[in-house]
Amino acid sequence: EGDGAEENGDEKAEKTKSKLGIYVQVNTSGESTKSGVSPGSELLALVESISSDCPYLSIDGLMTIGAPGDLSCFDALVRCREEVAQALGVKEERLELSMG
């Protein structure tokens, strides 16, 4: 057991009754050198789990690191946002997108 000095995000949020906003990273390029969850069922399972099991986390958006010069990765992220918004029952505009 620790000395109580460390807290996880849920514990901090519970004390302040606020939600910690997060972005879910999606591997839209499929490159093994990139991190993130795969688009489709893996992404949807993750966001549904976060939504139901992590009451002090708020999914604010999706992020990806696409292949250099490949805008199709951003198009894929837009499609992911559509699917996630539908799964969570929120408007697409509520979910921000970030591509590095």
PDB file of N, CA and C in Angstrom:
ATOM      1  N   GLU A   1       0.833  -1.187   0.000  1.00  0.00           N
ATOM      2  CA  GLU A   1       0.000   0.000   0.000  1.00  0.00           C
ATOM      3  C   GLU A   1       0.874   1.245   0.000  1.00  0.00           C
ATOM      4  N   GLY A   2       0.424   2.270  -0.720  1.00  0.00           N
ATOM      5  CA  GLY A   2       1.175   3.509  -0.797  1.00  0.00           C
ATOM      6  C   GLY A   2       0.842   4.435   0.351  1.00  0.00           C
ATOM      7  N   ASP A   3       1.426   5.608   0.304  1.00  0.00           N
ATOM      8  CA  ASP A   3       1.209   6.591   1.355  1.00  0.00           C
ATOM      9  C   ASP A   3       0.007   7.484   1.079  1.00  0.00           C
ATOM     10  N   GLY A   4      -0.713   7.183   0.010  1.00  0.00           N
ATOM     11  CA  GLY A   4      -1.893   7.969  -0.310  1.00  0.00           C
ATOM     12  C   GLY A   4      -1.604   9.202  -1.128  1.00  0.00           C
ATOM     13  N   ALA A   5      -0.338   9.431  -1.465  1.00  0.00           N
ATOM     14  CA  ALA A   5       0.020  10.634  -2.219  1.00  0.00           C
ATOM     15  C   ALA A   5      -0.378  10.531  -3.688  1.00  0.00           C
ATOM     16  N   GLU A   6      -0.488   9.309  -4.192  1.00  0.00           N
ATOM     17  CA  GLU A   6      -0.837   9.132  -5.598  1.00  0.00           C
ATOM     18  C   GLU A   6      -2.331   8.861  -5.722  1.00  0.00           C
ATOM     19  N   GLU A   7      -2.927   9.472  -6.728  1.00  0.00           N
ATOM     20  CA  GLU A   7      -4.335   9.243  -7.020  1.00  0.00           C
ATOM     21  C   GLU A   7      -4.471   9.013  -8.511  1.00  0.00           C
ATOM     22  N   ASN A   8      -5.425   8.183  -8.886  1.00  0.00           N
ATOM     23  CA  ASN A   8      -5.678   8.067 -10.317  1.00  0.00           C
ATOM     24  C   ASN A   8      -6.691   9.135 -10.726  1.00  0.00           C
ATOM     25  N   GLY A   9      -6.923   9.260 -12.028  1.00  0.00           N
ATOM     26  CA  GLY A   9      -7.817  10.301 -12.540  1.00  0.00           C
ATOM     27  C   GLY A   9      -9.216  10.206 -11.978  1.00  0.00           C
ATOM     28  N   ASP A  10      -9.753   8.973 -11.843  1.00  0.00           N
ATOM     29  CA  ASP A  10     -11.102   8.805 -11.308  1.00  0.00           C
ATOM     30  C   ASP A  10     -11.192   9.303  -9.866  1.00  0.00           C
ATOM     31  N   GLU A  11     -10.160   9.022  -9.052  1.00  0.00           N
ATOM     32  CA  GLU A  11     -10.188   9.451  -7.658  1.00  0.00           C
ATOM     33  C   GLU A  11     -10.159  10.969  -7.546  1.00  0.00           C
ATOM     34  N   LYS A  12      -9.327  11.611  -8.356  1.00  0.00           N
ATOM     35  CA  LYS A  12      -9.269  13.077  -8.336  1.00  0.00           C
ATOM     36  C   LYS A  12     -10.597  13.673  -8.780  1.00  0.00           C
ATOM     37  N   ALA A  13     -11.157  13.123  -9.844  1.00  0.00           N
ATOM     38  CA  ALA A  13     -12.414  13.654 -10.367  1.00  0.00           C
ATOM     39  C   ALA A  13     -13.548  13.452  -9.375  1.00  0.00           C
ATOM     40  N   GLU A  14     -13.525  12.315  -8.672  1.00  0.00           N
ATOM     41  CA  GLU A  14     -14.581  12.052  -7.701  1.00  0.00           C
ATOM     42  C   GLU A  14     -14.578  13.108  -6.602  1.00  0.00           C
ATOM     43  N   LYS A  15     -13.388  13.519  -6.176  1.00  0.00           N
ATOM     44  CA  LYS A  15     -13.296  14.529  -5.123  1.00  0.00           C
ATOM     45  C   LYS A  15     -13.836  15.877  -5.595  1.00  0.00           C
ATOM     46  N   THR A  16     -13.603  16.213  -6.845  1.00  0.00           N
ATOM     47  CA  THR A  16     -14.045  17.509  -7.356  1.00  0.00           C
ATOM     48  C   THR A  16     -15.386  17.423  -8.069  1.00  0.00           C
ATOM     49  N   LYS A  17     -15.890  16.196  -8.250  1.00  0.00           N
ATOM     50  CA  LYS A  17     -17.162  15.948  -8.941  1.00  0.00           C
ATOM     51  C   LYS A  17     -17.144  16.454 -10.381  1.00  0.00           C
ATOM     52  N   SER A  18     -15.968  16.479 -10.971  1.00  0.00           N
ATOM     53  CA  SER A  18     -15.867  16.869 -12.375  1.00  0.00           C
ATOM     54  C   SER A  18     -15.333  15.691 -13.172  1.00  0.00           C
ATOM     55  N   LYS A  19     -15.481  15.779 -14.477  1.00  0.00           N
ATOM     56  CA  LYS A  19     -14.995  14.717 -15.348  1.00  0.00           C
ATOM     57  C   LYS A  19     -13.694  15.150 -16.006  1.00  0.00           C
ATOM     58  N   LEU A  20     -12.815  14.201 -16.184  1.00  0.00           N
ATOM     59  CA  LEU A  20     -11.554  14.430 -16.867  1.00  0.00           C
ATOM     60  C   LEU A  20     -11.761  14.135 -18.348  1.00  0.00           C
ATOM     61  N   GLY A  21     -11.528  15.129 -19.187  1.00  0.00           N
ATOM     62  CA  GLY A  21     -11.703  14.960 -20.622  1.00  0.00           C
ATOM     63  C   GLY A  21     -10.536  14.219 -21.238  1.00  0.00           C
ATOM     64  N   ILE A  22     -10.837  13.255 -22.091  1.00  0.00           N
ATOM     65  CA  ILE A  22      -9.791  12.471 -22.745  1.00  0.00           C
ATOM     66  C   ILE A  22     -10.049  12.384 -24.248  1.00  0.00           C
ATOM     67  N   TYR A  23      -8.991  12.098 -24.970  1.00  0.00           N
ATOM     68  CA  TYR A  23      -9.069  11.774 -26.395  1.00  0.00           C
ATOM     69  C   TYR A  23      -8.656  10.314 -26.549  1.00  0.00           C
ATOM     70  N   VAL A  24      -9.369   9.581 -27.368  1.00  0.00           N
ATOM     71  CA  VAL A  24      -9.023   8.192 -27.651  1.00  0.00           C
ATOM     72  C   VAL A  24      -8.185   8.171 -28.926  1.00  0.00           C
ATOM     73  N   GLN A  25      -7.004   7.555 -28.852  1.00  0.00           N
ATOM     74  CA  GLN A  25      -6.130   7.490 -30.023  1.00  0.00           C
ATOM     75  C   GLN A  25      -6.520   6.302 -30.893  1.00  0.00           C
ATOM     76  N   VAL A  26      -6.700   6.581 -32.193  1.00  0.00           N
ATOM     77  CA  VAL A  26      -7.099   5.572 -33.168  1.00  0.00           C
ATOM     78  C   VAL A  26      -5.964   5.388 -34.174  1.00  0.00           C
ATOM     79  N   ASN A  27      -5.590   4.154 -34.436  1.00  0.00           N
ATOM     80  CA  ASN A  27      -4.550   3.860 -35.418  1.00  0.00           C
ATOM     81  C   ASN A  27      -5.213   3.754 -36.790  1.00  0.00           C
ATOM     82  N   THR A  28      -5.403   4.894 -37.441  1.00  0.00           N
ATOM     83  CA  THR A  28      -6.097   4.927 -38.730  1.00  0.00           C
ATOM     84  C   THR A  28      -5.227   4.472 -39.887  1.00  0.00           C
ATOM     85  N   SER A  29      -3.916   4.474 -39.712  1.00  0.00           N
ATOM     86  CA  SER A  29      -3.024   4.093 -40.811  1.00  0.00           C
ATOM     87  C   SER A  29      -2.747   2.595 -40.842  1.00  0.00           C
ATOM     88  N   GLY A  30      -2.996   1.930 -39.718  1.00  0.00           N
ATOM     89  CA  GLY A  30      -2.710   0.505 -39.639  1.00  0.00           C
ATOM     90  C   GLY A  30      -1.230   0.189 -39.513  1.00  0.00           C
ATOM     91  N   GLU A  31      -0.406   1.221 -39.359  1.00  0.00           N
ATOM     92  CA  GLU A  31       1.040   1.017 -39.239  1.00  0.00           C
ATOM     93  C   GLU A  31       1.383   0.450 -37.861  1.00  0.00           C
ATOM     94  N   SER A  32       2.256  -0.546 -37.848  1.00  0.00           N
ATOM     95  CA  SER A  32       2.648  -1.158 -36.577  1.00  0.00           C
ATOM     96  C   SER A  32       3.483  -0.208 -35.723  1.00  0.00           C
ATOM     97  N   THR A  33       4.044   0.827 -36.333  1.00  0.00           N
ATOM     98  CA  THR A  33       4.848   1.791 -35.580  1.00  0.00           C
ATOM     99  C   THR A  33       3.986   2.835 -34.882  1.00  0.00           C
ATOM    100  N   LYS A  34       2.695   2.839 -35.160  1.00  0.00           N
ATOM    101  CA  LYS A  34       1.775   3.805 -34.551  1.00  0.00           C
ATOM    102  C   LYS A  34       0.961   3.118 -33.454  1.00  0.00           C
ATOM    103  N   SER A  35       0.644   3.878 -32.429  1.00  0.00           N
ATOM    104  CA  SER A  35      -0.173   3.368 -31.330  1.00  0.00           C
ATOM    105  C   SER A  35      -1.633   3.690 -31.583  1.00  0.00           C
ATOM    106  N   GLY A  36      -2.469   3.129 -30.769  1.00  0.00           N
ATOM    107  CA  GLY A  36      -3.890   3.437 -30.837  1.00  0.00           C
ATOM    108  C   GLY A  36      -4.720   2.196 -31.076  1.00  0.00           C
ATOM    109  N   VAL A  37      -5.996   2.356 -30.828  1.00  0.00           N
ATOM    110  CA  VAL A  37      -6.958   1.285 -31.019  1.00  0.00           C
ATOM    111  C   VAL A  37      -7.341   1.222 -32.499  1.00  0.00           C
ATOM    112  N   SER A  38      -7.677   0.046 -32.974  1.00  0.00           N
ATOM    113  CA  SER A  38      -8.086  -0.106 -34.373  1.00  0.00           C
ATOM    114  C   SER A  38      -9.485   0.463 -34.575  1.00  0.00           C
ATOM    115  N   PRO A  39      -9.735   1.066 -35.753  1.00  0.00           N
ATOM    116  CA  PRO A  39     -11.085   1.552 -36.055  1.00  0.00           C
ATOM    117  C   PRO A  39     -12.079   0.386 -36.067  1.00  0.00           C
ATOM    118  N   GLY A  40     -13.348   0.715 -35.919  1.00  0.00           N
ATOM    119  CA  GLY A  40     -14.379  -0.324 -35.991  1.00  0.00           C
ATOM    120  C   GLY A  40     -14.730  -0.881 -34.628  1.00  0.00           C
ATOM    121  N   SER A  41     -14.880  -2.193 -34.561  1.00  0.00           N
ATOM    122  CA  SER A  41     -15.394  -2.830 -33.349  1.00  0.00           C
ATOM    123  C   SER A  41     -14.482  -2.634 -32.138  1.00  0.00           C
ATOM    124  N   GLU A  42     -13.168  -2.611 -32.344  1.00  0.00           N
ATOM    125  CA  GLU A  42     -12.251  -2.409 -31.218  1.00  0.00           C
ATOM    126  C   GLU A  42     -12.428  -1.009 -30.622  1.00  0.00           C
ATOM    127  N   LEU A  43     -12.537  -0.007 -31.471  1.00  0.00           N
ATOM    128  CA  LEU A  43     -12.763   1.366 -31.017  1.00  0.00           C
ATOM    129  C   LEU A  43     -14.097   1.477 -30.289  1.00  0.00           C
ATOM    130  N   LEU A  44     -15.143   0.931 -30.885  1.00  0.00           N
ATOM    131  CA  LEU A  44     -16.470   1.037 -30.279  1.00  0.00           C
ATOM    132  C   LEU A  44     -16.525   0.324 -28.934  1.00  0.00           C
ATOM    133  N   ALA A  45     -15.885  -0.828 -28.825  1.00  0.00           N
ATOM    134  CA  ALA A  45     -15.859  -1.544 -27.546  1.00  0.00           C
ATOM    135  C   ALA A  45     -15.151  -0.717 -26.479  1.00  0.00           C
ATOM    136  N   LEU A  46     -14.058  -0.056 -26.858  1.00  0.00           N
ATOM    137  CA  LEU A  46     -13.312   0.759 -25.896  1.00  0.00           C
ATOM    138  C   LEU A  46     -14.136   1.954 -25.427  1.00  0.00           C
ATOM    139  N   VAL A  47     -14.727   2.703 -26.343  1.00  0.00           N
ATOM    140  CA  VAL A  47     -15.471   3.897 -25.924  1.00  0.00           C
ATOM    141  C   VAL A  47     -16.720   3.516 -25.130  1.00  0.00           C
ATOM    142  N   GLU A  48     -17.347   2.405 -25.473  1.00  0.00           N
ATOM    143  CA  GLU A  48     -18.506   1.968 -24.693  1.00  0.00           C
ATOM    144  C   GLU A  48     -18.083   1.547 -23.290  1.00  0.00           C
ATOM    145  N   SER A  49     -16.919   0.913 -23.175  1.00  0.00           N
ATOM    146  CA  SER A  49     -16.401   0.528 -21.865  1.00  0.00           C
ATOM    147  C   SER A  49     -16.057   1.761 -21.028  1.00  0.00           C
ATOM    148  N   ILE A  50     -15.392   2.726 -21.638  1.00  0.00           N
ATOM    149  CA  ILE A  50     -15.067   3.963 -20.923  1.00  0.00           C
ATOM    150  C   ILE A  50     -16.347   4.650 -20.468  1.00  0.00           C
ATOM    151  N   SER A  51     -17.313   4.733 -21.352  1.00  0.00           N
ATOM    152  CA  SER A  51     -18.570   5.414 -21.049  1.00  0.00           C
ATOM    153  C   SER A  51     -19.318   4.746 -19.896  1.00  0.00           C
ATOM    154  N   SER A  52     -19.317   3.421 -19.862  1.00  0.00           N
ATOM    155  CA  SER A  52     -20.088   2.724 -18.835  1.00  0.00           C
ATOM    156  C   SER A  52     -19.299   2.454 -17.555  1.00  0.00           C
ATOM    157  N   ASP A  53     -17.983   2.282 -17.669  1.00  0.00           N
ATOM    158  CA  ASP A  53     -17.190   1.859 -16.512  1.00  0.00           C
ATOM    159  C   ASP A  53     -16.354   2.961 -15.868  1.00  0.00           C
ATOM    160  N   CYS A  54     -16.241   4.101 -16.510  1.00  0.00           N
ATOM    161  CA  CYS A  54     -15.382   5.180 -16.001  1.00  0.00           C
ATOM    162  C   CYS A  54     -16.200   6.469 -15.874  1.00  0.00           C
ATOM    163  N   PRO A  55     -17.001   6.583 -14.825  1.00  0.00           N
ATOM    164  CA  PRO A  55     -17.930   7.712 -14.719  1.00  0.00           C
ATOM    165  C   PRO A  55     -17.265   9.080 -14.620  1.00  0.00           C
ATOM    166  N   TYR A  56     -15.990   9.124 -14.296  1.00  0.00           N
ATOM    167  CA  TYR A  56     -15.318  10.411 -14.154  1.00  0.00           C
ATOM    168  C   TYR A  56     -14.433  10.752 -15.345  1.00  0.00           C
ATOM    169  N   LEU A  57     -14.581   9.989 -16.434  1.00  0.00           N
ATOM    170  CA  LEU A  57     -13.894  10.303 -17.683  1.00  0.00           C
ATOM    171  C   LEU A  57     -14.928  10.720 -18.716  1.00  0.00           C
ATOM    172  N   SER A  58     -14.581  11.705 -19.503  1.00  0.00           N
ATOM    173  CA  SER A  58     -15.439  12.188 -20.583  1.00  0.00           C
ATOM    174  C   SER A  58     -14.667  12.083 -21.892  1.00  0.00           C
ATOM    175  N   ILE A  59     -15.225  11.379 -22.863  1.00  0.00           N
ATOM    176  CA  ILE A  59     -14.568  11.274 -24.166  1.00  0.00           C
ATOM    177  C   ILE A  59     -14.837  12.569 -24.920  1.00  0.00           C
ATOM    178  N   ASP A  60     -13.798  13.400 -25.006  1.00  0.00           N
ATOM    179  CA  ASP A  60     -13.927  14.702 -25.663  1.00  0.00           C
ATOM    180  C   ASP A  60     -13.629  14.633 -27.150  1.00  0.00           C
ATOM    181  N   GLY A  61     -12.926  13.578 -27.571  1.00  0.00           N
ATOM    182  CA  GLY A  61     -12.606  13.499 -28.984  1.00  0.00           C
ATOM    183  C   GLY A  61     -11.760  12.296 -29.324  1.00  0.00           C
ATOM    184  N   LEU A  62     -11.356  12.268 -30.589  1.00  0.00           N
ATOM    185  CA  LEU A  62     -10.509  11.207 -31.122  1.00  0.00           C
ATOM    186  C   LEU A  62      -9.254  11.833 -31.697  1.00  0.00           C
ATOM    187  N   MET A  63      -8.164  11.098 -31.639  1.00  0.00           N
ATOM    188  CA  MET A  63      -6.913  11.591 -32.204  1.00  0.00           C
ATOM    189  C   MET A  63      -6.238  10.477 -32.984  1.00  0.00           C
ATOM    190  N   THR A  64      -5.413  10.867 -33.937  1.00  0.00           N
ATOM    191  CA  THR A  64      -4.653   9.898 -34.714  1.00  0.00           C
ATOM    192  C   THR A  64      -3.346  10.520 -35.174  1.00  0.00           C
ATOM    193  N   ILE A  65      -2.396   9.673 -35.455  1.00  0.00           N
ATOM    194  CA  ILE A  65      -1.158  10.087 -36.111  1.00  0.00           C
ATOM    195  C   ILE A  65      -1.145   9.335 -37.428  1.00  0.00           C
ATOM    196  N   GLY A  66      -1.525  10.013 -38.474  1.00  0.00           N
ATOM    197  CA  GLY A  66      -1.644   9.378 -39.778  1.00  0.00           C
ATOM    198  C   GLY A  66      -0.305   9.196 -40.460  1.00  0.00           C
ATOM    199  N   ALA A  67      -0.350   8.450 -41.542  1.00  0.00           N
ATOM    200  CA  ALA A  67       0.848   8.287 -42.364  1.00  0.00           C
ATOM    201  C   ALA A  67       1.186   9.641 -42.982  1.00  0.00           C
ATOM    202  N   PRO A  68       2.467   9.988 -43.088  1.00  0.00           N
ATOM    203  CA  PRO A  68       2.856  11.292 -43.645  1.00  0.00           C
ATOM    204  C   PRO A  68       2.243  11.535 -45.029  1.00  0.00           C
ATOM    205  N   GLY A  69       1.577  12.674 -45.163  1.00  0.00           N
ATOM    206  CA  GLY A  69       0.997  13.073 -46.440  1.00  0.00           C
ATOM    207  C   GLY A  69      -0.241  12.309 -46.858  1.00  0.00           C
ATOM    208  N   ASP A  70      -0.772  11.467 -45.991  1.00  0.00           N
ATOM    209  CA  ASP A  70      -1.929  10.638 -46.335  1.00  0.00           C
ATOM    210  C   ASP A  70      -3.180  11.177 -45.646  1.00  0.00           C
ATOM    211  N   LEU A  71      -3.963  11.957 -46.374  1.00  0.00           N
ATOM    212  CA  LEU A  71      -5.170  12.543 -45.791  1.00  0.00           C
ATOM    213  C   LEU A  71      -6.286  11.525 -45.603  1.00  0.00           C
ATOM    214  N   SER A  72      -6.146  10.331 -46.168  1.00  0.00           N
ATOM    215  CA  SER A  72      -7.179   9.313 -45.974  1.00  0.00           C
ATOM    216  C   SER A  72      -7.273   8.907 -44.502  1.00  0.00           C
ATOM    217  N   CYS A  73      -6.186   9.094 -43.752  1.00  0.00           N
ATOM    218  CA  CYS A  73      -6.218   8.795 -42.324  1.00  0.00           C
ATOM    219  C   CYS A  73      -7.168   9.744 -41.598  1.00  0.00           C
ATOM    220  N   PHE A  74      -7.186  11.006 -42.017  1.00  0.00           N
ATOM    221  CA  PHE A  74      -8.110  11.955 -41.397  1.00  0.00           C
ATOM    222  C   PHE A  74      -9.543  11.627 -41.797  1.00  0.00           C
ATOM    223  N   ASP A  75      -9.752  11.232 -43.054  1.00  0.00           N
ATOM    224  CA  ASP A  75     -11.088  10.805 -43.489  1.00  0.00           C
ATOM    225  C   ASP A  75     -11.567   9.623 -42.651  1.00  0.00           C
ATOM    226  N   ALA A  76     -10.662   8.697 -42.364  1.00  0.00           N
ATOM    227  CA  ALA A  76     -11.007   7.542 -41.536  1.00  0.00           C
ATOM    228  C   ALA A  76     -11.381   7.983 -40.126  1.00  0.00           C
ATOM    229  N   LEU A  77     -10.681   8.991 -39.603  1.00  0.00           N
ATOM    230  CA  LEU A  77     -10.983   9.495 -38.267  1.00  0.00           C
ATOM    231  C   LEU A  77     -12.358  10.156 -38.237  1.00  0.00           C
ATOM    232  N   VAL A  78     -12.724  10.836 -39.311  1.00  0.00           N
ATOM    233  CA  VAL A  78     -14.064  11.437 -39.411  1.00  0.00           C
ATOM    234  C   VAL A  78     -15.123  10.333 -39.357  1.00  0.00           C
ATOM    235  N   ARG A  79     -14.899   9.245 -40.075  1.00  0.00           N
ATOM    236  CA  ARG A  79     -15.846   8.120 -40.040  1.00  0.00           C
ATOM    237  C   ARG A  79     -15.911   7.509 -38.640  1.00  0.00           C
ATOM    238  N   CYS A  80     -14.770   7.411 -37.981  1.00  0.00           N
ATOM    239  CA  CYS A  80     -14.750   6.896 -36.609  1.00  0.00           C
ATOM    240  C   CYS A  80     -15.585   7.777 -35.690  1.00  0.00           C
ATOM    241  N   ARG A  81     -15.474   9.095 -35.872  1.00  0.00           N
ATOM    242  CA  ARG A  81     -16.260  10.014 -35.040  1.00  0.00           C
ATOM    243  C   ARG A  81     -17.747   9.772 -35.237  1.00  0.00           C
ATOM    244  N   GLU A  82     -18.168   9.550 -36.486  1.00  0.00           N
ATOM    245  CA  GLU A  82     -19.581   9.273 -36.761  1.00  0.00           C
ATOM    246  C   GLU A  82     -20.042   8.037 -35.990  1.00  0.00           C
ATOM    247  N   GLU A  83     -19.236   6.979 -36.032  1.00  0.00           N
ATOM    248  CA  GLU A  83     -19.588   5.730 -35.352  1.00  0.00           C
ATOM    249  C   GLU A  83     -19.609   5.896 -33.836  1.00  0.00           C
ATOM    250  N   VAL A  84     -18.615   6.595 -33.301  1.00  0.00           N
ATOM    251  CA  VAL A  84     -18.534   6.792 -31.854  1.00  0.00           C
ATOM    252  C   VAL A  84     -19.694   7.660 -31.373  1.00  0.00           C
ATOM    253  N   ALA A  85     -20.002   8.719 -32.093  1.00  0.00           N
ATOM    254  CA  ALA A  85     -21.115   9.590 -31.708  1.00  0.00           C
ATOM    255  C   ALA A  85     -22.416   8.798 -31.662  1.00  0.00           C
ATOM    256  N   GLN A  86     -22.628   7.967 -32.658  1.00  0.00           N
ATOM    257  CA  GLN A  86     -23.845   7.152 -32.690  1.00  0.00           C
ATOM    258  C   GLN A  86     -23.863   6.174 -31.515  1.00  0.00           C
ATOM    259  N   ALA A  87     -22.735   5.530 -31.242  1.00  0.00           N
ATOM    260  CA  ALA A  87     -22.659   4.558 -30.147  1.00  0.00           C
ATOM    261  C   ALA A  87     -22.901   5.207 -28.787  1.00  0.00           C
ATOM    262  N   LEU A  88     -22.422   6.443 -28.622  1.00  0.00           N
ATOM    263  CA  LEU A  88     -22.562   7.135 -27.339  1.00  0.00           C
ATOM    264  C   LEU A  88     -23.834   7.965 -27.244  1.00  0.00           C
ATOM    265  N   GLY A  89     -24.529   8.119 -28.373  1.00  0.00           N
ATOM    266  CA  GLY A  89     -25.752   8.918 -28.370  1.00  0.00           C
ATOM    267  C   GLY A  89     -25.494  10.404 -28.216  1.00  0.00           C
ATOM    268  N   VAL A  90     -24.402  10.886 -28.821  1.00  0.00           N
ATOM    269  CA  VAL A  90     -24.081  12.315 -28.764  1.00  0.00           C
ATOM    270  C   VAL A  90     -23.962  12.857 -30.186  1.00  0.00           C
ATOM    271  N   LYS A  91     -24.006  14.175 -30.308  1.00  0.00           N
ATOM    272  CA  LYS A  91     -23.825  14.801 -31.615  1.00  0.00           C
ATOM    273  C   LYS A  91     -22.358  14.716 -32.021  1.00  0.00           C
ATOM    274  N   GLU A  92     -22.129  14.511 -33.306  1.00  0.00           N
ATOM    275  CA  GLU A  92     -20.756  14.418 -33.812  1.00  0.00           C
ATOM    276  C   GLU A  92     -19.929  15.639 -33.437  1.00  0.00           C
ATOM    277  N   GLU A  93     -20.547  16.813 -33.471  1.00  0.00           N
ATOM    278  CA  GLU A  93     -19.832  18.061 -33.209  1.00  0.00           C
ATOM    279  C   GLU A  93     -19.259  18.108 -31.799  1.00  0.00           C
ATOM    280  N   ARG A  94     -19.810  17.313 -30.886  1.00  0.00           N
ATOM    281  CA  ARG A  94     -19.321  17.290 -29.516  1.00  0.00           C
ATOM    282  C   ARG A  94     -17.954  16.608 -29.408  1.00  0.00           C
ATOM    283  N   LEU A  95     -17.626  15.790 -30.385  1.00  0.00           N
ATOM    284  CA  LEU A  95     -16.360  15.058 -30.369  1.00  0.00           C
ATOM    285  C   LEU A  95     -15.349  15.754 -31.271  1.00  0.00           C
ATOM    286  N   GLU A  96     -14.291  16.254 -30.677  1.00  0.00           N
ATOM    287  CA  GLU A  96     -13.256  16.945 -31.444  1.00  0.00           C
ATOM    288  C   GLU A  96     -12.334  15.930 -32.110  1.00  0.00           C
ATOM    289  N   LEU A  97     -11.661  16.378 -33.156  1.00  0.00           N
ATOM    290  CA  LEU A  97     -10.696  15.536 -33.860  1.00  0.00           C
ATOM    291  C   LEU A  97      -9.329  16.195 -33.828  1.00  0.00           C
ATOM    292  N   SER A  98      -8.292  15.375 -33.659  1.00  0.00           N
ATOM    293  CA  SER A  98      -6.922  15.868 -33.664  1.00  0.00           C
ATOM    294  C   SER A  98      -6.070  14.905 -34.476  1.00  0.00           C
ATOM    295  N   MET A  99      -5.312  15.468 -35.418  1.00  0.00           N
ATOM    296  CA  MET A  99      -4.434  14.630 -36.231  1.00  0.00           C
ATOM    297  C   MET A  99      -3.045  15.232 -36.237  1.00  0.00           C
ATOM    298  N   GLY A 100      -2.074  14.437 -35.762  1.00  0.00           N
ATOM    299  CA  GLY A 100      -0.707  14.922 -35.697  1.00  0.00           C
ATOM    300  C   GLY A 100       0.144  14.378 -36.810  1.00  0.00           C
TER     301      GLY A 100
END
